[in-house]
Amino acid sequence: MNWSTYIDGLSSLFDKGGGTLWAILAASIMLWFLILERYWAYRWQLPELRASLLREWHTSKRSVVHQMVPRRIRALVGELQAEATRNFITLHALTTILPLLGLLGTVSGMIKVFDVINLFGSGNTRGMAAGISEALVTTMAGLLTALSGVSFVTNLENRAETLAREFETELVEDK
């Protein structure tokens, strides 16, 4: 398959999907950018932050009053967890918005179908097919990107929870 065939296919898909498909594309790009950023952070940034917080714990644990140790541990774990869960609200919002954008495309496509029926009657199948195509393409795009995003966001949430739990255990055992 050469590039021109691929580009023609994408162009045809976006023609069928209408304007809503562009909004789904923009939201999907943002979703996947944030997902990749979080995986990058888990690989490169969070281990450094964890080591830094652990060093901070080792230097300050002698000066912390015994009654304040649990509070200090919670503060250090909270700092790591805050960085680990950064952008999760946006990720959840995007995975919620994408199927709704697909639904918006469905409604838009069906309105076009009803406009064709209103103008030409039910005999104009070619005119109705364009609206039905828009409805189906946008629904599929919104659901597909949201479902794939949900699985990665869930994985990231599990990683954040595990990271915080392991760090807290490490701090408690190192009292």
N, C-alpha and C. Protein backbone atom coordinates (compact mmCIF):
# COMPACT_ATOMS: atom_id res chain seq x y z
N MET A 1 0.86 -1.18 0.00
CA MET A 1 0.00 0.00 0.00
C MET A 1 0.90 1.24 0.00
N ASN A 2 0.70 2.11 -0.96
CA ASN A 2 1.52 3.32 -1.02
C ASN A 2 0.86 4.45 -0.23
N TRP A 3 1.63 5.52 0.00
CA TRP A 3 1.17 6.63 0.83
C TRP A 3 -0.05 7.33 0.26
N SER A 4 -0.12 7.47 -1.04
CA SER A 4 -1.25 8.20 -1.62
C SER A 4 -2.57 7.45 -1.39
N THR A 5 -2.53 6.13 -1.45
CA THR A 5 -3.72 5.33 -1.16
C THR A 5 -4.12 5.49 0.29
N TYR A 6 -3.13 5.48 1.17
CA TYR A 6 -3.39 5.65 2.60
C TYR A 6 -4.00 7.02 2.90
N ILE A 7 -3.43 8.05 2.31
CA ILE A 7 -3.93 9.42 2.53
C ILE A 7 -5.32 9.58 1.93
N ASP A 8 -5.56 8.98 0.75
CA ASP A 8 -6.90 9.03 0.15
C ASP A 8 -7.92 8.35 1.05
N GLY A 9 -7.53 7.24 1.65
CA GLY A 9 -8.43 6.53 2.57
C GLY A 9 -8.76 7.36 3.80
N LEU A 10 -7.75 8.01 4.38
CA LEU A 10 -7.99 8.88 5.54
C LEU A 10 -8.85 10.07 5.16
N SER A 11 -8.58 10.65 3.99
CA SER A 11 -9.37 11.77 3.52
C SER A 11 -10.83 11.37 3.35
N SER A 12 -11.04 10.19 2.79
CA SER A 12 -12.41 9.68 2.61
C SER A 12 -13.09 9.46 3.96
N LEU A 13 -12.34 8.92 4.92
CA LEU A 13 -12.90 8.67 6.25
C LEU A 13 -13.32 9.98 6.90
N PHE A 14 -12.48 11.01 6.82
CA PHE A 14 -12.82 12.29 7.43
C PHE A 14 -13.94 12.99 6.67
N ASP A 15 -14.06 12.76 5.37
CA ASP A 15 -15.20 13.30 4.63
C ASP A 15 -16.49 12.66 5.11
N LYS A 16 -16.44 11.36 5.36
CA LYS A 16 -17.63 10.64 5.83
C LYS A 16 -17.99 11.02 7.26
N GLY A 17 -16.96 11.29 8.08
CA GLY A 17 -17.19 11.56 9.50
C GLY A 17 -17.65 12.97 9.81
N GLY A 18 -17.46 13.87 8.89
CA GLY A 18 -17.90 15.24 9.13
C GLY A 18 -17.02 15.97 10.13
N GLY A 19 -17.50 17.13 10.56
CA GLY A 19 -16.74 17.99 11.46
C GLY A 19 -16.51 17.39 12.84
N THR A 20 -17.43 16.57 13.29
CA THR A 20 -17.29 15.97 14.61
C THR A 20 -16.08 15.05 14.68
N LEU A 21 -15.74 14.43 13.57
CA LEU A 21 -14.59 13.52 13.56
C LEU A 21 -13.29 14.28 13.82
N TRP A 22 -13.23 15.53 13.39
CA TRP A 22 -12.05 16.35 13.67
C TRP A 22 -11.92 16.63 15.15
N ALA A 23 -13.06 16.88 15.82
CA ALA A 23 -13.04 17.09 17.27
C ALA A 23 -12.60 15.82 17.99
N ILE A 24 -13.06 14.67 17.51
CA ILE A 24 -12.64 13.38 18.09
C ILE A 24 -11.15 13.18 17.89
N LEU A 25 -10.65 13.54 16.72
CA LEU A 25 -9.21 13.43 16.46
C LEU A 25 -8.41 14.31 17.41
N ALA A 26 -8.85 15.55 17.61
CA ALA A 26 -8.13 16.47 18.50
C ALA A 26 -8.13 15.94 19.94
N ALA A 27 -9.29 15.47 20.41
CA ALA A 27 -9.37 14.93 21.78
C ALA A 27 -8.54 13.66 21.91
N SER A 28 -8.51 12.85 20.87
CA SER A 28 -7.72 11.62 20.90
C SER A 28 -6.23 11.92 20.95
N ILE A 29 -5.80 12.90 20.18
CA ILE A 29 -4.38 13.28 20.19
C ILE A 29 -4.00 13.78 21.58
N MET A 30 -4.85 14.59 22.18
CA MET A 30 -4.57 15.09 23.53
C MET A 30 -4.52 13.92 24.52
N LEU A 31 -5.47 13.00 24.42
CA LEU A 31 -5.51 11.84 25.31
C LEU A 31 -4.23 11.03 25.21
N TRP A 32 -3.82 10.72 24.00
CA TRP A 32 -2.64 9.86 23.83
C TRP A 32 -1.35 10.60 24.17
N PHE A 33 -1.32 11.91 23.96
CA PHE A 33 -0.16 12.68 24.39
C PHE A 33 -0.01 12.60 25.91
N LEU A 34 -1.12 12.78 26.63
CA LEU A 34 -1.07 12.73 28.10
C LEU A 34 -0.75 11.32 28.61
N ILE A 35 -1.27 10.31 27.95
CA ILE A 35 -0.96 8.93 28.35
C ILE A 35 0.53 8.67 28.17
N LEU A 36 1.07 9.04 27.02
CA LEU A 36 2.51 8.83 26.78
C LEU A 36 3.36 9.66 27.74
N GLU A 37 2.91 10.86 28.06
CA GLU A 37 3.64 11.69 29.02
C GLU A 37 3.68 11.02 30.38
N ARG A 38 2.58 10.42 30.80
CA ARG A 38 2.54 9.74 32.10
C ARG A 38 3.47 8.52 32.12
N TYR A 39 3.47 7.74 31.03
CA TYR A 39 4.38 6.58 30.99
C TYR A 39 5.83 7.05 31.00
N TRP A 40 6.11 8.15 30.31
CA TRP A 40 7.46 8.70 30.33
C TRP A 40 7.82 9.12 31.76
N ALA A 41 6.89 9.77 32.45
CA ALA A 41 7.13 10.20 33.82
C ALA A 41 7.37 9.00 34.74
N TYR A 42 6.61 7.93 34.57
CA TYR A 42 6.81 6.74 35.39
C TYR A 42 8.17 6.10 35.14
N ARG A 43 8.64 6.23 33.93
CA ARG A 43 9.94 5.62 33.59
C ARG A 43 11.11 6.49 34.01
N TRP A 44 11.01 7.83 33.87
CA TRP A 44 12.18 8.68 34.07
C TRP A 44 12.06 9.63 35.27
N GLN A 45 10.91 10.25 35.48
CA GLN A 45 10.80 11.27 36.52
C GLN A 45 10.51 10.71 37.91
N LEU A 46 9.56 9.81 38.00
CA LEU A 46 9.13 9.34 39.31
C LEU A 46 10.21 8.56 40.07
N PRO A 47 11.04 7.75 39.42
CA PRO A 47 12.13 7.11 40.19
C PRO A 47 13.08 8.14 40.81
N GLU A 48 13.36 9.21 40.09
CA GLU A 48 14.23 10.26 40.64
C GLU A 48 13.54 10.97 41.81
N LEU A 49 12.26 11.27 41.67
CA LEU A 49 11.52 11.92 42.75
C LEU A 49 11.47 11.01 43.97
N ARG A 50 11.22 9.73 43.75
CA ARG A 50 11.17 8.78 44.86
C ARG A 50 12.51 8.73 45.59
N ALA A 51 13.61 8.68 44.85
CA ALA A 51 14.94 8.66 45.47
C ALA A 51 15.18 9.95 46.23
N SER A 52 14.77 11.08 45.69
CA SER A 52 14.93 12.36 46.35
C SER A 52 14.14 12.42 47.65
N LEU A 53 12.90 11.95 47.62
CA LEU A 53 12.07 11.94 48.82
C LEU A 53 12.63 10.98 49.87
N LEU A 54 13.17 9.88 49.41
CA LEU A 54 13.78 8.92 50.34
C LEU A 54 15.02 9.54 51.01
N ARG A 55 15.84 10.26 50.25
CA ARG A 55 16.99 10.95 50.83
C ARG A 55 16.53 11.99 51.84
N GLU A 56 15.47 12.72 51.48
CA GLU A 56 14.92 13.71 52.40
C GLU A 56 14.45 13.06 53.69
N TRP A 57 13.83 11.89 53.57
CA TRP A 57 13.37 11.14 54.74
C TRP A 57 14.55 10.73 55.63
N HIS A 58 15.61 10.24 55.01
CA HIS A 58 16.78 9.80 55.78
C HIS A 58 17.44 10.97 56.50
N THR A 59 17.47 12.14 55.88
CA THR A 59 18.12 13.28 56.53
C THR A 59 17.24 13.92 57.59
N SER A 60 15.93 13.79 57.47
CA SER A 60 15.05 14.48 58.41
C SER A 60 14.46 13.58 59.49
N LYS A 61 14.59 12.27 59.37
CA LYS A 61 13.88 11.40 60.33
C LYS A 61 14.44 11.53 61.75
N ARG A 62 15.70 11.90 61.90
CA ARG A 62 16.28 12.07 63.24
C ARG A 62 15.72 13.31 63.94
N SER A 63 15.39 14.32 63.14
CA SER A 63 14.91 15.58 63.73
C SER A 63 13.39 15.61 63.92
N VAL A 64 12.70 14.63 63.34
CA VAL A 64 11.24 14.60 63.45
C VAL A 64 10.86 14.00 64.80
N VAL A 65 9.98 14.68 65.51
CA VAL A 65 9.49 14.17 66.79
C VAL A 65 8.74 12.86 66.53
N HIS A 66 8.88 11.92 67.45
CA HIS A 66 8.32 10.58 67.26
C HIS A 66 6.82 10.60 66.92
N GLN A 67 6.08 11.51 67.54
CA GLN A 67 4.64 11.57 67.28
C GLN A 67 4.34 12.12 65.88
N MET A 68 5.29 12.81 65.29
CA MET A 68 5.08 13.42 63.97
C MET A 68 5.51 12.52 62.81
N VAL A 69 6.10 11.37 63.10
CA VAL A 69 6.60 10.48 62.05
C VAL A 69 5.49 10.04 61.10
N PRO A 70 4.34 9.58 61.60
CA PRO A 70 3.29 9.16 60.64
C PRO A 70 2.83 10.31 59.73
N ARG A 71 2.75 11.50 60.30
CA ARG A 71 2.33 12.66 59.50
C ARG A 71 3.38 12.96 58.43
N ARG A 72 4.65 12.88 58.78
CA ARG A 72 5.73 13.14 57.81
C ARG A 72 5.72 12.08 56.71
N ILE A 73 5.48 10.83 57.08
CA ILE A 73 5.41 9.75 56.08
C ILE A 73 4.26 10.01 55.12
N ARG A 74 3.10 10.38 55.67
CA ARG A 74 1.95 10.68 54.81
C ARG A 74 2.25 11.84 53.87
N ALA A 75 2.97 12.84 54.37
CA ALA A 75 3.31 14.00 53.53
C ALA A 75 4.22 13.59 52.37
N LEU A 76 5.24 12.77 52.67
CA LEU A 76 6.16 12.33 51.61
C LEU A 76 5.45 11.44 50.60
N VAL A 77 4.61 10.53 51.08
CA VAL A 77 3.85 9.66 50.17
C VAL A 77 2.87 10.49 49.35
N GLY A 78 2.26 11.48 49.98
CA GLY A 78 1.33 12.36 49.27
C GLY A 78 2.02 13.15 48.17
N GLU A 79 3.24 13.58 48.42
CA GLU A 79 3.99 14.31 47.40
C GLU A 79 4.29 13.43 46.19
N LEU A 80 4.69 12.18 46.46
CA LEU A 80 4.95 11.24 45.36
C LEU A 80 3.66 10.90 44.63
N GLN A 81 2.61 10.69 45.39
CA GLN A 81 1.33 10.32 44.77
C GLN A 81 0.76 11.47 43.95
N ALA A 82 0.95 12.69 44.41
CA ALA A 82 0.45 13.84 43.65
C ALA A 82 1.14 13.92 42.29
N GLU A 83 2.43 13.67 42.26
CA GLU A 83 3.14 13.69 40.97
C GLU A 83 2.74 12.49 40.11
N ALA A 84 2.52 11.33 40.75
CA ALA A 84 2.17 10.12 40.00
C ALA A 84 0.78 10.22 39.37
N THR A 85 -0.12 10.98 39.99
CA THR A 85 -1.49 11.07 39.49
C THR A 85 -1.76 12.37 38.74
N ARG A 86 -0.70 13.10 38.42
CA ARG A 86 -0.88 14.36 37.69
C ARG A 86 -1.55 14.08 36.34
N ASN A 87 -2.46 14.92 35.96
CA ASN A 87 -3.23 14.85 34.69
C ASN A 87 -4.27 13.74 34.67
N PHE A 88 -4.49 13.04 35.77
CA PHE A 88 -5.50 11.97 35.77
C PHE A 88 -6.91 12.53 35.58
N ILE A 89 -7.18 13.71 36.12
CA ILE A 89 -8.51 14.30 35.95
C ILE A 89 -8.75 14.61 34.48
N THR A 90 -7.75 15.13 33.81
CA THR A 90 -7.87 15.42 32.38
C THR A 90 -8.04 14.13 31.58
N LEU A 91 -7.28 13.10 31.95
CA LEU A 91 -7.41 11.81 31.25
C LEU A 91 -8.82 11.24 31.42
N HIS A 92 -9.35 11.32 32.63
CA HIS A 92 -10.72 10.82 32.85
C HIS A 92 -11.73 11.65 32.06
N ALA A 93 -11.52 12.96 32.04
CA ALA A 93 -12.44 13.83 31.29
C ALA A 93 -12.42 13.47 29.80
N LEU A 94 -11.23 13.27 29.26
CA LEU A 94 -11.14 12.94 27.83
C LEU A 94 -11.78 11.58 27.52
N THR A 95 -11.56 10.59 28.38
CA THR A 95 -12.19 9.28 28.11
C THR A 95 -13.70 9.34 28.29
N THR A 96 -14.19 10.34 29.00
CA THR A 96 -15.63 10.54 29.12
C THR A 96 -16.18 11.33 27.94
N ILE A 97 -15.42 12.30 27.48
CA ILE A 97 -15.87 13.18 26.40
C ILE A 97 -15.88 12.47 25.04
N LEU A 98 -14.91 11.60 24.80
CA LEU A 98 -14.81 10.96 23.48
C LEU A 98 -16.07 10.20 23.06
N PRO A 99 -16.67 9.35 23.91
CA PRO A 99 -17.92 8.71 23.46
C PRO A 99 -19.05 9.72 23.25
N LEU A 100 -19.02 10.79 24.04
CA LEU A 100 -20.06 11.82 23.86
C LEU A 100 -19.89 12.55 22.54
N LEU A 101 -18.63 12.77 22.13
CA LEU A 101 -18.40 13.36 20.81
C LEU A 101 -18.88 12.39 19.72
N GLY A 102 -18.66 11.10 19.93
CA GLY A 102 -19.18 10.10 18.98
C GLY A 102 -20.69 10.15 18.90
N LEU A 103 -21.33 10.32 20.05
CA LEU A 103 -22.79 10.44 20.08
C LEU A 103 -23.25 11.72 19.38
N LEU A 104 -22.50 12.79 19.56
CA LEU A 104 -22.82 14.04 18.86
C LEU A 104 -22.75 13.82 17.35
N GLY A 105 -21.74 13.10 16.88
CA GLY A 105 -21.64 12.78 15.46
C GLY A 105 -22.79 11.91 14.99
N THR A 106 -23.24 11.02 15.86
CA THR A 106 -24.39 10.17 15.53
C THR A 106 -25.64 11.02 15.32
N VAL A 107 -25.86 11.92 16.25
CA VAL A 107 -27.03 12.80 16.15
C VAL A 107 -26.93 13.69 14.92
N SER A 108 -25.74 14.24 14.68
CA SER A 108 -25.55 15.08 13.50
C SER A 108 -25.82 14.30 12.21
N GLY A 109 -25.31 13.09 12.14
CA GLY A 109 -25.54 12.25 10.96
C GLY A 109 -27.01 11.91 10.76
N MET A 110 -27.69 11.62 11.85
CA MET A 110 -29.11 11.27 11.75
C MET A 110 -29.95 12.49 11.37
N ILE A 111 -29.54 13.68 11.82
CA ILE A 111 -30.24 14.90 11.40
C ILE A 111 -30.11 15.06 9.89
N LYS A 112 -28.94 14.77 9.35
CA LYS A 112 -28.75 14.84 7.90
C LYS A 112 -29.64 13.83 7.18
N VAL A 113 -29.77 12.64 7.75
CA VAL A 113 -30.65 11.63 7.15
C VAL A 113 -32.09 12.14 7.13
N PHE A 114 -32.54 12.71 8.24
CA PHE A 114 -33.91 13.21 8.30
C PHE A 114 -34.12 14.41 7.38
N ASP A 115 -33.08 15.23 7.21
CA ASP A 115 -33.19 16.34 6.25
C ASP A 115 -33.37 15.80 4.82
N VAL A 116 -32.63 14.77 4.47
CA VAL A 116 -32.76 14.17 3.13
C VAL A 116 -34.15 13.58 2.96
N ILE A 117 -34.63 12.88 3.99
CA ILE A 117 -35.98 12.29 3.91
C ILE A 117 -37.02 13.40 3.77
N ASN A 118 -36.83 14.48 4.51
CA ASN A 118 -37.77 15.59 4.45
C ASN A 118 -37.80 16.24 3.06
N LEU A 119 -36.60 16.38 2.43
CA LEU A 119 -36.54 17.05 1.13
C LEU A 119 -36.92 16.13 -0.03
N PHE A 120 -36.42 14.88 0.01
CA PHE A 120 -36.57 14.01 -1.15
C PHE A 120 -37.41 12.77 -0.90
N GLY A 121 -37.84 12.54 0.31
CA GLY A 121 -38.57 11.32 0.63
C GLY A 121 -37.58 10.20 0.92
N SER A 122 -38.12 9.04 1.19
CA SER A 122 -37.26 7.92 1.58
C SER A 122 -36.65 7.20 0.38
N GLY A 123 -36.88 7.69 -0.83
CA GLY A 123 -36.35 7.05 -2.02
C GLY A 123 -34.90 7.43 -2.33
N ASN A 124 -34.36 8.45 -1.70
CA ASN A 124 -33.00 8.91 -1.98
C ASN A 124 -32.02 8.21 -1.03
N THR A 125 -31.71 6.98 -1.35
CA THR A 125 -30.84 6.19 -0.46
C THR A 125 -29.41 6.72 -0.44
N ARG A 126 -28.95 7.26 -1.56
CA ARG A 126 -27.58 7.80 -1.60
C ARG A 126 -27.45 8.98 -0.65
N GLY A 127 -28.44 9.84 -0.63
CA GLY A 127 -28.42 10.99 0.28
C GLY A 127 -28.50 10.56 1.73
N MET A 128 -29.30 9.53 2.01
CA MET A 128 -29.40 9.04 3.38
C MET A 128 -28.13 8.33 3.81
N ALA A 129 -27.45 7.68 2.89
CA ALA A 129 -26.24 6.92 3.23
C ALA A 129 -25.14 7.81 3.78
N ALA A 130 -25.05 9.04 3.31
CA ALA A 130 -24.01 9.96 3.80
C ALA A 130 -24.23 10.26 5.27
N GLY A 131 -25.47 10.51 5.65
CA GLY A 131 -25.78 10.79 7.06
C GLY A 131 -25.57 9.57 7.94
N ILE A 132 -25.99 8.41 7.44
CA ILE A 132 -25.80 7.18 8.20
C ILE A 132 -24.31 6.88 8.35
N SER A 133 -23.55 7.11 7.30
CA SER A 133 -22.10 6.91 7.35
C SER A 133 -21.46 7.81 8.40
N GLU A 134 -21.86 9.08 8.43
CA GLU A 134 -21.32 10.00 9.44
C GLU A 134 -21.67 9.51 10.84
N ALA A 135 -22.89 9.07 11.01
CA ALA A 135 -23.31 8.59 12.33
C ALA A 135 -22.48 7.39 12.78
N LEU A 136 -22.28 6.45 11.89
CA LEU A 136 -21.55 5.24 12.27
C LEU A 136 -20.05 5.48 12.46
N VAL A 137 -19.44 6.27 11.58
CA VAL A 137 -18.00 6.52 11.68
C VAL A 137 -17.67 7.28 12.95
N THR A 138 -18.44 8.30 13.28
CA THR A 138 -18.14 9.07 14.49
C THR A 138 -18.40 8.27 15.75
N THR A 139 -19.44 7.46 15.75
CA THR A 139 -19.70 6.60 16.91
C THR A 139 -18.55 5.63 17.12
N MET A 140 -18.11 5.00 16.04
CA MET A 140 -17.01 4.05 16.13
C MET A 140 -15.74 4.73 16.61
N ALA A 141 -15.42 5.89 16.06
CA ALA A 141 -14.19 6.60 16.42
C ALA A 141 -14.21 7.01 17.88
N GLY A 142 -15.32 7.56 18.33
CA GLY A 142 -15.42 8.00 19.73
C GLY A 142 -15.31 6.84 20.70
N LEU A 143 -16.01 5.75 20.41
CA LEU A 143 -15.96 4.59 21.30
C LEU A 143 -14.61 3.90 21.28
N LEU A 144 -14.03 3.75 20.12
CA LEU A 144 -12.75 3.06 20.00
C LEU A 144 -11.65 3.80 20.74
N THR A 145 -11.55 5.09 20.56
CA THR A 145 -10.50 5.84 21.24
C THR A 145 -10.74 5.90 22.74
N ALA A 146 -11.99 6.03 23.16
CA ALA A 146 -12.29 6.08 24.59
C ALA A 146 -11.97 4.74 25.26
N LEU A 147 -12.39 3.65 24.64
CA LEU A 147 -12.15 2.33 25.25
C LEU A 147 -10.66 2.00 25.34
N SER A 148 -9.92 2.32 24.30
CA SER A 148 -8.48 2.05 24.37
C SER A 148 -7.83 2.97 25.40
N GLY A 149 -8.28 4.20 25.51
CA GLY A 149 -7.75 5.12 26.50
C GLY A 149 -8.06 4.68 27.92
N VAL A 150 -9.27 4.16 28.15
CA VAL A 150 -9.66 3.71 29.49
C VAL A 150 -8.74 2.61 29.99
N SER A 151 -8.36 1.69 29.14
CA SER A 151 -7.50 0.60 29.58
C SER A 151 -6.13 1.12 30.00
N PHE A 152 -5.58 2.07 29.27
CA PHE A 152 -4.28 2.63 29.63
C PHE A 152 -4.38 3.50 30.88
N VAL A 153 -5.45 4.27 31.02
CA VAL A 153 -5.62 5.10 32.20
C VAL A 153 -5.77 4.22 33.44
N THR A 154 -6.49 3.12 33.33
CA THR A 154 -6.62 2.18 34.45
C THR A 154 -5.26 1.61 34.83
N ASN A 155 -4.45 1.27 33.83
CA ASN A 155 -3.11 0.77 34.10
C ASN A 155 -2.27 1.82 34.82
N LEU A 156 -2.38 3.06 34.40
CA LEU A 156 -1.63 4.14 35.05
C LEU A 156 -2.10 4.34 36.49
N GLU A 157 -3.40 4.25 36.73
CA GLU A 157 -3.91 4.37 38.10
C GLU A 157 -3.39 3.25 38.99
N ASN A 158 -3.35 2.03 38.46
CA ASN A 158 -2.82 0.91 39.23
C ASN A 158 -1.34 1.11 39.53
N ARG A 159 -0.59 1.63 38.58
CA ARG A 159 0.83 1.91 38.80
C ARG A 159 1.01 2.95 39.90
N ALA A 160 0.19 4.00 39.87
CA ALA A 160 0.30 5.06 40.87
C ALA A 160 0.00 4.52 42.27
N GLU A 161 -1.03 3.71 42.36
CA GLU A 161 -1.41 3.13 43.65
C GLU A 161 -0.31 2.21 44.18
N THR A 162 0.22 1.38 43.32
CA THR A 162 1.29 0.46 43.72
C THR A 162 2.54 1.23 44.13
N LEU A 163 2.89 2.26 43.37
CA LEU A 163 4.06 3.07 43.68
C LEU A 163 3.93 3.72 45.06
N ALA A 164 2.77 4.30 45.35
CA ALA A 164 2.55 4.96 46.64
C ALA A 164 2.57 3.94 47.78
N ARG A 165 1.94 2.81 47.57
CA ARG A 165 1.90 1.77 48.61
C ARG A 165 3.30 1.24 48.92
N GLU A 166 4.08 0.96 47.87
CA GLU A 166 5.44 0.45 48.07
C GLU A 166 6.32 1.49 48.75
N PHE A 167 6.17 2.75 48.37
CA PHE A 167 6.98 3.81 48.97
C PHE A 167 6.62 3.98 50.45
N GLU A 168 5.33 3.94 50.76
CA GLU A 168 4.91 4.05 52.16
C GLU A 168 5.46 2.89 52.98
N THR A 169 5.40 1.70 52.44
CA THR A 169 5.95 0.53 53.13
C THR A 169 7.45 0.70 53.38
N GLU A 170 8.14 1.20 52.39
CA GLU A 170 9.58 1.41 52.52
C GLU A 170 9.89 2.44 53.61
N LEU A 171 9.11 3.50 53.69
CA LEU A 171 9.33 4.52 54.71
C LEU A 171 8.99 3.99 56.11
N VAL A 172 7.91 3.26 56.21
CA VAL A 172 7.50 2.71 57.52
C VAL A 172 8.54 1.71 58.02
N GLU A 173 9.03 0.87 57.16
CA GLU A 173 10.03 -0.13 57.57
C GLU A 173 11.37 0.52 57.90
N ASP A 174 11.58 1.74 57.44
CA ASP A 174 12.86 2.43 57.65
C ASP A 174 12.78 3.42 58.81
N LYS A 175 11.75 3.35 59.64
CA LYS A 175 11.59 4.28 60.77
C LYS A 175 12.78 4.18 61.61
